[in-house]
């Protein structure tokens, strides 16, 4: 199947963001075939991209999709209050059906806002039925996702290596489709280092990347140093947050070839620690950005991109540019998730994960620099069309899911059960 996006202002992000005015994007069999002016349209479905910015879909490197029915519940709460309420009290109430609708709605929210790839840190896998519900929802949504298999932070006895092995063998043996898997353990900041080491060895056994929260936490004050002492630092690891890590530990992450995901809107509102993007940039660490929790912040990457730029110069260093932020939200995010060869830019051969943003709107009219406009002015209302692997999941400003009213009704019912009982 061929598709041609004709005549848009096309932003590629590899190696650096660059704008091609009035260009076309040719898609063949779900992959980008060519980018340039006047491409042939023989046999192709043509989408008029006039008055549109065409760019790679956003990559959210850290989000807990299961918390979608809890929107706005912890605004004004710090991290401790969030953990006590959402993780400690509400999390155990989740039934598999609640988890399914929450994950589906969260994934559709991503697509609606132009996020084509998300790392779903799902640390609520109480039973195999919870896991199957999560995977069913991700598959139904059509999003590209890294499913982070985790277990509840405060219930370490729920940890089940057997279930991890089952999921890996049943759903991800040789998988190279839109869904991939990572291990999302509690990690050394919040669990004994001996347990963390077992999780790292399990990930090695199953050839899984790791996504893990890190902080100078209640268990390990120097979590990265602890991992280093045990020989557990490795490249295919995504450390989340890291605001309280000293420069020495950031240097260990950089030397290992691992990446970091920051969520500046959540980190600021929950008082997680001082902004860290400037230190990550100075250390040369691949950095992705993410929403984290819609219990506290908006679920779109436009908000996160602006927060990233606004918090990028706490120590007098130069603020990151709009181009750098956009690359974090696309190519660098893909690289952080180990998907840099599949998505995040318009290089021919990559998956056609694309977003078309309207510019014939009051907030985007007169934009001189499309890159700066995407980062500083655009919002989810500008998202006109979204493709994942060449499949249209949003068209003319509307999601194409066949039963969106049913999803919305399911979220409302889940929210009532989870919060009011």
Protein backbone atom coordinates (compact mmCIF):
# COMPACT_ATOMS: atom_id res chain seq x y z
CA UNK A 1 0.00 0.00 0.00
CA UNK A 2 1.26 3.47 -0.91
CA UNK A 3 0.34 6.78 0.68
CA UNK A 4 1.54 10.29 -0.12
CA UNK A 5 1.39 13.24 2.25
CA UNK A 6 1.57 16.13 -0.18
CA UNK A 7 2.80 19.69 0.22
CA UNK A 8 3.36 20.08 3.95
CA UNK A 9 6.06 21.82 5.95
CA UNK A 10 7.96 18.66 6.84
CA UNK A 11 10.18 18.51 9.92
CA UNK A 12 12.75 15.73 10.06
CA UNK A 13 14.73 15.21 13.28
CA UNK A 14 17.74 13.22 12.16
CA UNK A 15 20.49 14.09 12.75
CA UNK A 16 19.07 17.48 13.84
CA UNK A 17 15.63 19.02 13.31
CA UNK A 18 15.36 20.55 9.84
CA UNK A 19 12.38 21.96 7.94
CA UNK A 20 11.54 21.07 4.33
CA UNK A 21 8.98 23.59 3.08
CA UNK A 22 6.28 22.35 0.75
CA UNK A 23 7.58 18.78 0.73
CA UNK A 24 5.99 15.36 0.33
CA UNK A 25 6.33 12.19 2.37
CA UNK A 26 5.90 8.89 0.53
CA UNK A 27 4.88 5.83 2.53
CA UNK A 28 5.08 2.28 1.25
CA UNK A 29 3.96 -0.78 3.20
CA UNK A 30 3.87 1.18 6.45
CA UNK A 31 7.37 2.58 6.10
CA UNK A 32 8.79 5.90 4.97
CA UNK A 33 10.00 5.55 1.40
CA UNK A 34 11.05 9.10 0.53
CA UNK A 35 10.87 12.73 1.65
CA UNK A 36 11.13 15.60 -0.82
CA UNK A 37 9.31 17.90 -3.24
CA UNK A 38 7.20 16.64 -6.11
CA UNK A 39 7.22 12.94 -5.30
CA UNK A 40 5.21 10.72 -7.63
CA UNK A 41 1.78 9.62 -6.47
CA UNK A 42 1.09 6.72 -8.83
CA UNK A 43 -1.18 4.26 -7.08
CA UNK A 44 -0.94 6.13 -3.77
CA UNK A 45 -3.63 7.39 -1.43
CA UNK A 46 -3.00 11.13 -1.34
CA UNK A 47 -3.47 13.21 1.81
CA UNK A 48 -3.31 16.96 1.29
CA UNK A 49 -0.84 18.36 3.82
CA UNK A 50 -1.28 22.00 2.80
CA UNK A 51 -1.35 24.21 5.91
CA UNK A 52 0.02 21.31 7.90
CA UNK A 53 3.29 20.62 9.70
CA UNK A 54 4.32 17.00 9.14
CA UNK A 55 6.74 15.52 11.67
CA UNK A 56 7.61 12.26 13.44
CA UNK A 57 5.14 11.21 16.09
CA UNK A 58 6.03 12.14 19.64
CA UNK A 59 7.69 9.53 21.86
CA UNK A 60 6.60 9.51 25.50
CA UNK A 61 9.35 7.67 27.35
CA UNK A 62 7.54 7.33 30.68
CA UNK A 63 3.84 7.13 31.46
CA UNK A 64 1.66 5.07 33.78
CA UNK A 65 -1.33 4.47 31.50
CA UNK A 66 -3.17 2.59 34.23
CA UNK A 67 -3.78 5.84 36.09
CA UNK A 68 -5.96 7.39 33.36
CA UNK A 69 -9.23 7.11 35.40
CA UNK A 70 -7.56 9.03 38.25
CA UNK A 71 -7.11 12.28 36.31
CA UNK A 72 -6.46 15.33 38.46
CA UNK A 73 -6.63 13.34 41.70
CA UNK A 74 -3.25 14.40 43.10
CA UNK A 75 -2.88 17.98 41.89
CA UNK A 76 -1.23 19.81 44.78
CA UNK A 77 0.13 16.60 46.33
CA UNK A 78 3.79 15.88 46.81
CA UNK A 79 5.40 12.56 45.96
CA UNK A 80 4.75 11.02 49.37
CA UNK A 81 1.03 11.84 49.28
CA UNK A 82 0.77 10.53 45.72
CA UNK A 83 2.43 7.25 46.67
CA UNK A 84 0.20 6.79 49.71
CA UNK A 85 -3.05 7.47 47.84
CA UNK A 86 -2.56 6.20 44.28
CA UNK A 87 -0.06 3.38 44.79
CA UNK A 88 -0.92 2.37 48.34
CA UNK A 89 -4.72 2.75 48.53
CA UNK A 90 -6.21 2.89 45.04
CA UNK A 91 -3.84 0.58 43.15
CA UNK A 92 -4.97 -2.58 45.00
CA UNK A 93 -8.59 -1.84 43.97
CA UNK A 94 -7.83 -2.34 40.28
CA UNK A 95 -9.58 -5.28 38.69
CA UNK A 96 -8.38 -6.58 35.33
CA UNK A 97 -11.33 -4.87 33.63
CA UNK A 98 -10.39 -1.56 35.23
CA UNK A 99 -6.82 -1.95 34.05
CA UNK A 100 -7.91 -2.79 30.53
CA UNK A 101 -10.12 0.27 30.05
CA UNK A 102 -7.62 2.55 31.79
CA UNK A 103 -4.77 1.41 29.55
CA UNK A 104 -6.88 1.63 26.41
CA UNK A 105 -8.12 5.12 27.24
CA UNK A 106 -4.62 6.26 28.13
CA UNK A 107 -3.20 4.95 24.87
CA UNK A 108 -5.96 6.65 22.88
CA UNK A 109 -5.26 9.88 24.75
CA UNK A 110 -1.67 9.59 23.60
CA UNK A 111 -2.68 9.10 19.97
CA UNK A 112 -5.17 11.93 20.13
CA UNK A 113 -2.33 14.27 21.17
CA UNK A 114 0.15 13.02 18.55
CA UNK A 115 2.06 10.56 20.74
CA UNK A 116 2.69 7.54 18.52
CA UNK A 117 5.06 5.71 20.89
CA UNK A 118 4.71 5.33 24.66
CA UNK A 119 6.64 3.48 27.33
CA UNK A 120 3.87 2.15 29.56
CA UNK A 121 5.38 1.61 33.00
CA UNK A 122 2.73 -0.77 34.29
CA UNK A 123 3.66 -1.46 37.91
CA UNK A 124 0.26 -2.85 38.77
CA UNK A 125 0.54 -6.44 37.58
CA UNK A 126 -1.16 -8.18 40.48
CA UNK A 127 -2.16 -11.28 38.50
CA UNK A 128 -1.68 -12.81 35.03
CA UNK A 129 -5.19 -11.58 34.27
CA UNK A 130 -4.08 -8.00 34.91
CA UNK A 131 -1.21 -8.51 32.49
CA UNK A 132 -3.41 -9.95 29.74
CA UNK A 133 -5.85 -7.06 30.16
CA UNK A 134 -3.03 -4.55 29.72
CA UNK A 135 -1.66 -6.20 26.60
CA UNK A 136 -5.12 -6.56 25.05
CA UNK A 137 -5.70 -2.85 25.55
CA UNK A 138 -2.38 -1.79 24.05
CA UNK A 139 -2.98 -3.98 21.01
CA UNK A 140 -6.49 -2.64 20.50
CA UNK A 141 -5.38 0.98 20.67
CA UNK A 142 -2.98 0.75 17.72
CA UNK A 143 -0.20 2.64 19.48
CA UNK A 144 3.47 1.68 19.36
CA UNK A 145 4.26 0.77 22.95
CA UNK A 146 7.01 -0.57 25.13
CA UNK A 147 5.12 -2.55 27.75
CA UNK A 148 7.00 -2.19 31.02
CA UNK A 149 6.09 -5.25 33.12
CA UNK A 150 6.23 -4.21 36.76
CA UNK A 151 4.83 -5.05 40.16
CA UNK A 152 3.42 -2.92 42.99
CA UNK A 153 5.98 -0.78 44.79
CA UNK A 154 4.74 -1.59 48.28
CA UNK A 155 4.02 -5.28 47.69
CA UNK A 156 7.30 -6.91 46.82
CA UNK A 157 5.76 -10.34 47.43
CA UNK A 158 3.78 -9.74 44.21
CA UNK A 159 7.01 -9.99 42.23
CA UNK A 160 6.69 -13.01 39.92
CA UNK A 161 9.64 -13.98 37.71
CA UNK A 162 7.54 -16.89 36.45
CA UNK A 163 4.92 -14.52 35.07
CA UNK A 164 7.62 -12.40 33.43
CA UNK A 165 8.94 -15.51 31.69
CA UNK A 166 5.40 -16.50 30.66
CA UNK A 167 4.64 -13.09 29.17
CA UNK A 168 7.98 -12.95 27.36
CA UNK A 169 7.48 -16.38 25.81
CA UNK A 170 3.79 -16.00 24.98
CA UNK A 171 3.64 -12.47 23.63
CA UNK A 172 7.14 -11.30 22.76
CA UNK A 173 9.14 -14.25 21.49
CA UNK A 174 10.85 -12.76 18.45
CA UNK A 175 8.43 -9.83 18.50
CA UNK A 176 9.35 -6.92 16.27
CA UNK A 177 5.91 -5.36 15.84
CA UNK A 178 4.37 -2.29 17.42
CA UNK A 179 4.44 -3.83 20.90
CA UNK A 180 7.70 -4.67 22.65
CA UNK A 181 8.51 -5.52 26.25
CA UNK A 182 10.71 -4.20 29.02
CA UNK A 183 11.14 -5.18 32.65
CA UNK A 184 9.99 -2.42 35.02
CA UNK A 185 11.22 -3.47 38.48
CA UNK A 186 11.01 -1.48 41.69
CA UNK A 187 14.78 -1.08 41.60
CA UNK A 188 17.49 -0.21 44.11
CA UNK A 189 15.99 3.09 45.27
CA UNK A 190 12.95 1.40 46.80
CA UNK A 191 13.83 -2.26 47.29
CA UNK A 192 16.78 -4.23 48.69
CA UNK A 193 19.75 -4.27 46.33
CA UNK A 194 19.74 -8.07 46.42
CA UNK A 195 16.22 -8.07 44.95
CA UNK A 196 17.25 -5.51 42.34
CA UNK A 197 20.15 -7.72 41.34
CA UNK A 198 17.76 -10.65 40.84
CA UNK A 199 15.61 -8.49 38.56
CA UNK A 200 18.62 -7.36 36.54
CA UNK A 201 19.72 -10.98 36.11
CA UNK A 202 16.19 -11.91 35.03
CA UNK A 203 16.25 -9.16 32.40
CA UNK A 204 19.59 -10.46 31.14
CA UNK A 205 18.24 -14.01 31.00
CA UNK A 206 15.26 -12.92 28.90
CA UNK A 207 17.11 -10.30 26.85
CA UNK A 208 14.82 -7.52 28.07
CA UNK A 209 15.62 -3.84 28.50
CA UNK A 210 14.99 -2.30 31.91
CA UNK A 211 13.02 0.80 32.87
CA UNK A 212 13.38 1.84 36.51
CA UNK A 213 12.68 4.80 38.77
CA UNK A 214 15.84 6.14 40.41
CA UNK A 215 16.33 8.61 43.23
CA UNK A 216 18.31 9.01 46.40
CA UNK A 217 15.60 6.87 47.88
CA UNK A 218 14.67 5.35 51.24
CA UNK A 219 16.66 2.16 50.55
CA UNK A 220 19.67 3.18 48.47
CA UNK A 221 21.01 6.70 48.86
CA UNK A 222 23.37 6.05 45.92
CA UNK A 223 21.37 3.64 43.71
CA UNK A 224 23.53 3.93 40.58
CA UNK A 225 26.70 3.43 42.59
CA UNK A 226 25.13 0.32 44.14
CA UNK A 227 24.36 -1.07 40.70
CA UNK A 228 27.86 -0.21 39.55
CA UNK A 229 29.46 -2.07 42.46
CA UNK A 230 27.56 -5.19 41.48
CA UNK A 231 28.40 -4.93 37.80
CA UNK A 232 24.81 -4.26 36.78
CA UNK A 233 25.18 -1.09 34.74
CA UNK A 234 24.47 -1.68 31.07
CA UNK A 235 23.33 0.24 27.99
CA UNK A 236 19.78 -1.05 27.52
CA UNK A 237 18.48 0.62 30.67
CA UNK A 238 16.19 3.62 31.03
CA UNK A 239 16.52 5.46 34.34
CA UNK A 240 13.48 7.59 35.16
CA UNK A 241 13.73 10.96 36.93
CA UNK A 242 17.14 11.01 38.63
CA UNK A 243 16.69 14.59 39.88
CA UNK A 244 18.50 13.87 43.14
CA UNK A 245 21.40 11.92 41.64
CA UNK A 246 24.81 13.57 42.02
CA UNK A 247 26.96 14.30 38.99
CA UNK A 248 29.15 11.32 39.82
CA UNK A 249 26.23 8.94 39.34
CA UNK A 250 25.16 10.68 36.13
CA UNK A 251 28.70 10.07 34.88
CA UNK A 252 28.28 6.36 35.62
CA UNK A 253 25.06 6.32 33.60
CA UNK A 254 26.78 8.11 30.73
CA UNK A 255 29.72 5.68 30.77
CA UNK A 256 27.34 2.70 30.69
CA UNK A 257 25.55 3.97 27.57
CA UNK A 258 22.16 4.00 29.30
CA UNK A 259 19.51 6.68 28.90
CA UNK A 260 17.35 8.83 31.20
CA UNK A 261 13.70 9.82 30.99
CA UNK A 262 12.61 13.04 32.65
CA UNK A 263 9.06 14.19 33.34
CA UNK A 264 9.53 17.87 34.20
CA UNK A 265 5.88 18.80 34.69
CA UNK A 266 5.31 16.03 37.24
CA UNK A 267 8.74 16.40 38.83
CA UNK A 268 8.17 20.09 39.44
CA UNK A 269 4.62 19.80 40.78
CA UNK A 270 5.45 16.85 43.05
CA UNK A 271 8.68 18.47 44.30
CA UNK A 272 10.70 15.44 43.22
CA UNK A 273 13.90 17.47 43.04
CA UNK A 274 15.62 20.21 41.09
CA UNK A 275 15.39 20.07 37.27
CA UNK A 276 18.03 17.79 35.79
CA UNK A 277 17.90 18.34 32.03
CA UNK A 278 20.88 20.71 32.02
CA UNK A 279 23.05 18.21 33.91
CA UNK A 280 22.00 15.35 31.64
CA UNK A 281 22.92 17.41 28.62
CA UNK A 282 26.29 18.29 30.16
CA UNK A 283 26.93 14.60 30.89
CA UNK A 284 26.12 13.59 27.31
CA UNK A 285 23.27 11.26 28.31
CA UNK A 286 20.56 10.42 25.79
CA UNK A 287 17.45 12.01 27.27
CA UNK A 288 13.79 11.36 26.58
CA UNK A 289 10.80 13.15 28.07
CA UNK A 290 7.43 11.94 29.29
CA UNK A 291 4.14 12.78 30.96
CA UNK A 292 4.39 10.31 33.88
CA UNK A 293 0.99 10.66 35.61
CA UNK A 294 -2.22 12.34 34.53
CA UNK A 295 -3.25 12.32 38.18
CA UNK A 296 -1.14 15.49 38.39
CA UNK A 297 -0.46 16.91 34.91
CA UNK A 298 -1.86 17.13 31.39
CA UNK A 299 -1.48 14.09 29.14
CA UNK A 300 0.14 15.73 26.12
CA UNK A 301 3.74 16.22 25.05
CA UNK A 302 3.30 19.88 24.13
CA UNK A 303 3.04 20.68 27.85
CA UNK A 304 6.06 18.52 28.59
CA UNK A 305 8.16 20.11 25.84
CA UNK A 306 7.47 23.58 27.20
CA UNK A 307 8.25 22.48 30.74
CA UNK A 308 11.50 20.92 29.53
CA UNK A 309 12.62 24.17 27.99
CA UNK A 310 11.48 26.32 30.90
CA UNK A 311 13.33 24.21 33.50
CA UNK A 312 16.50 23.69 31.48
CA UNK A 313 18.70 26.45 32.93
CA UNK A 314 18.51 26.38 36.75
CA UNK A 315 22.28 26.77 37.15
CA UNK A 316 22.88 29.59 34.72
CA UNK A 317 23.68 27.33 31.79
CA UNK A 318 22.22 28.22 28.38
CA UNK A 319 18.64 27.12 28.01
CA UNK A 320 18.03 24.22 25.64
CA UNK A 321 16.77 25.26 22.23
CA UNK A 322 13.40 24.40 20.73
CA UNK A 323 15.19 22.11 18.29
CA UNK A 324 16.86 20.20 21.13
CA UNK A 325 13.55 19.82 22.94
CA UNK A 326 11.80 18.55 19.81
CA UNK A 327 14.53 15.99 19.29
CA UNK A 328 14.11 14.80 22.89
CA UNK A 329 10.40 14.37 22.18
CA UNK A 330 11.05 12.34 19.02
CA UNK A 331 14.40 10.84 17.98
CA UNK A 332 16.16 10.92 21.36
CA UNK A 333 13.07 9.47 23.00
CA UNK A 334 13.06 6.63 20.49
CA UNK A 335 16.74 6.02 21.12
CA UNK A 336 16.17 6.03 24.87
CA UNK A 337 13.62 3.23 24.40
CA UNK A 338 15.89 1.24 22.09
CA UNK A 339 13.67 2.06 19.11
CA UNK A 340 15.89 4.55 17.34
CA UNK A 341 16.17 2.26 14.32
CA UNK A 342 12.37 2.04 14.02
CA UNK A 343 10.87 5.45 14.74
CA UNK A 344 11.57 9.02 15.86
CA UNK A 345 12.63 10.49 12.50
CA UNK A 346 11.73 10.44 8.80
CA UNK A 347 14.70 8.43 7.61
CA UNK A 348 13.58 6.15 4.77
CA UNK A 349 13.02 2.63 6.01
CA UNK A 350 11.67 3.67 9.40
CA UNK A 351 8.07 3.08 10.39
CA UNK A 352 5.64 5.73 9.18
CA UNK A 353 4.81 7.06 12.65
CA UNK A 354 3.71 10.57 11.75
CA UNK A 355 1.73 13.55 12.98
CA UNK A 356 0.11 16.31 10.92
CA UNK A 357 -0.46 19.55 12.83
CA UNK A 358 -2.84 22.20 11.55
CA UNK A 359 -1.35 25.66 11.01
CA UNK A 360 -4.55 27.29 9.73
CA UNK A 361 -5.50 28.03 13.32
CA UNK A 362 -5.33 31.17 15.42
CA UNK A 363 -2.54 29.83 17.65
CA UNK A 364 -0.32 28.75 14.74
CA UNK A 365 -1.01 31.42 12.11
CA UNK A 366 2.04 33.50 11.24
CA UNK A 367 4.53 30.97 12.62
CA UNK A 368 7.94 31.83 11.17
CA UNK A 369 9.80 28.80 12.51
CA UNK A 370 7.84 25.52 12.41
CA UNK A 371 10.16 23.84 14.93
CA UNK A 372 9.75 26.64 17.46
CA UNK A 373 6.02 26.78 16.79
CA UNK A 374 5.59 23.07 17.56
CA UNK A 375 7.43 23.42 20.87
CA UNK A 376 6.12 26.78 22.07
CA UNK A 377 2.69 27.34 20.49
CA UNK A 378 1.03 24.10 19.39
CA UNK A 379 -1.44 22.12 21.49
CA UNK A 380 -3.45 18.90 21.09
CA UNK A 381 -6.18 20.77 19.24
CA UNK A 382 -3.75 21.22 16.34
CA UNK A 383 -3.31 17.46 15.90
CA UNK A 384 -5.17 16.74 12.68
CA UNK A 385 -3.92 13.33 11.51
CA UNK A 386 -1.84 10.61 13.20
CA UNK A 387 -0.32 7.50 11.65
CA UNK A 388 1.35 4.54 13.34
CA UNK A 389 3.19 2.22 10.99
CA UNK A 390 1.30 3.80 8.13
CA UNK A 391 -2.10 3.09 9.71
CA UNK A 392 -4.30 6.12 10.23
CA UNK A 393 -5.41 6.25 13.87
CA UNK A 394 -6.65 9.84 13.80
CA UNK A 395 -8.02 11.68 10.76
CA UNK A 396 -9.42 15.19 10.36
CA UNK A 397 -9.11 15.81 14.09
CA UNK A 398 -10.98 12.68 15.21
CA UNK A 399 -9.78 9.34 16.53
CA UNK A 400 -10.82 6.45 14.33
CA UNK A 401 -11.36 3.95 17.16
CA UNK A 402 -14.68 2.19 16.42
CA UNK A 403 -16.19 2.58 19.90
CA UNK A 404 -14.91 5.75 21.50
CA UNK A 405 -18.21 6.38 23.39
CA UNK A 406 -17.91 2.93 24.93
CA UNK A 407 -14.33 3.67 26.02
CA UNK A 408 -15.40 6.92 27.65
CA UNK A 409 -18.26 5.20 29.46
CA UNK A 410 -15.90 2.48 30.67
CA UNK A 411 -13.45 5.03 32.06
CA UNK A 412 -16.23 6.78 33.97
CA UNK A 413 -17.39 3.51 35.48
CA UNK A 414 -13.85 2.51 36.43
CA UNK A 415 -13.23 5.91 38.00
CA UNK A 416 -16.33 5.55 40.15
CA UNK A 417 -15.33 2.09 41.35
CA UNK A 418 -11.72 3.00 42.05
CA UNK A 419 -12.19 6.30 43.85
CA UNK A 420 -15.55 6.03 45.56
CA UNK A 421 -15.79 2.25 45.90
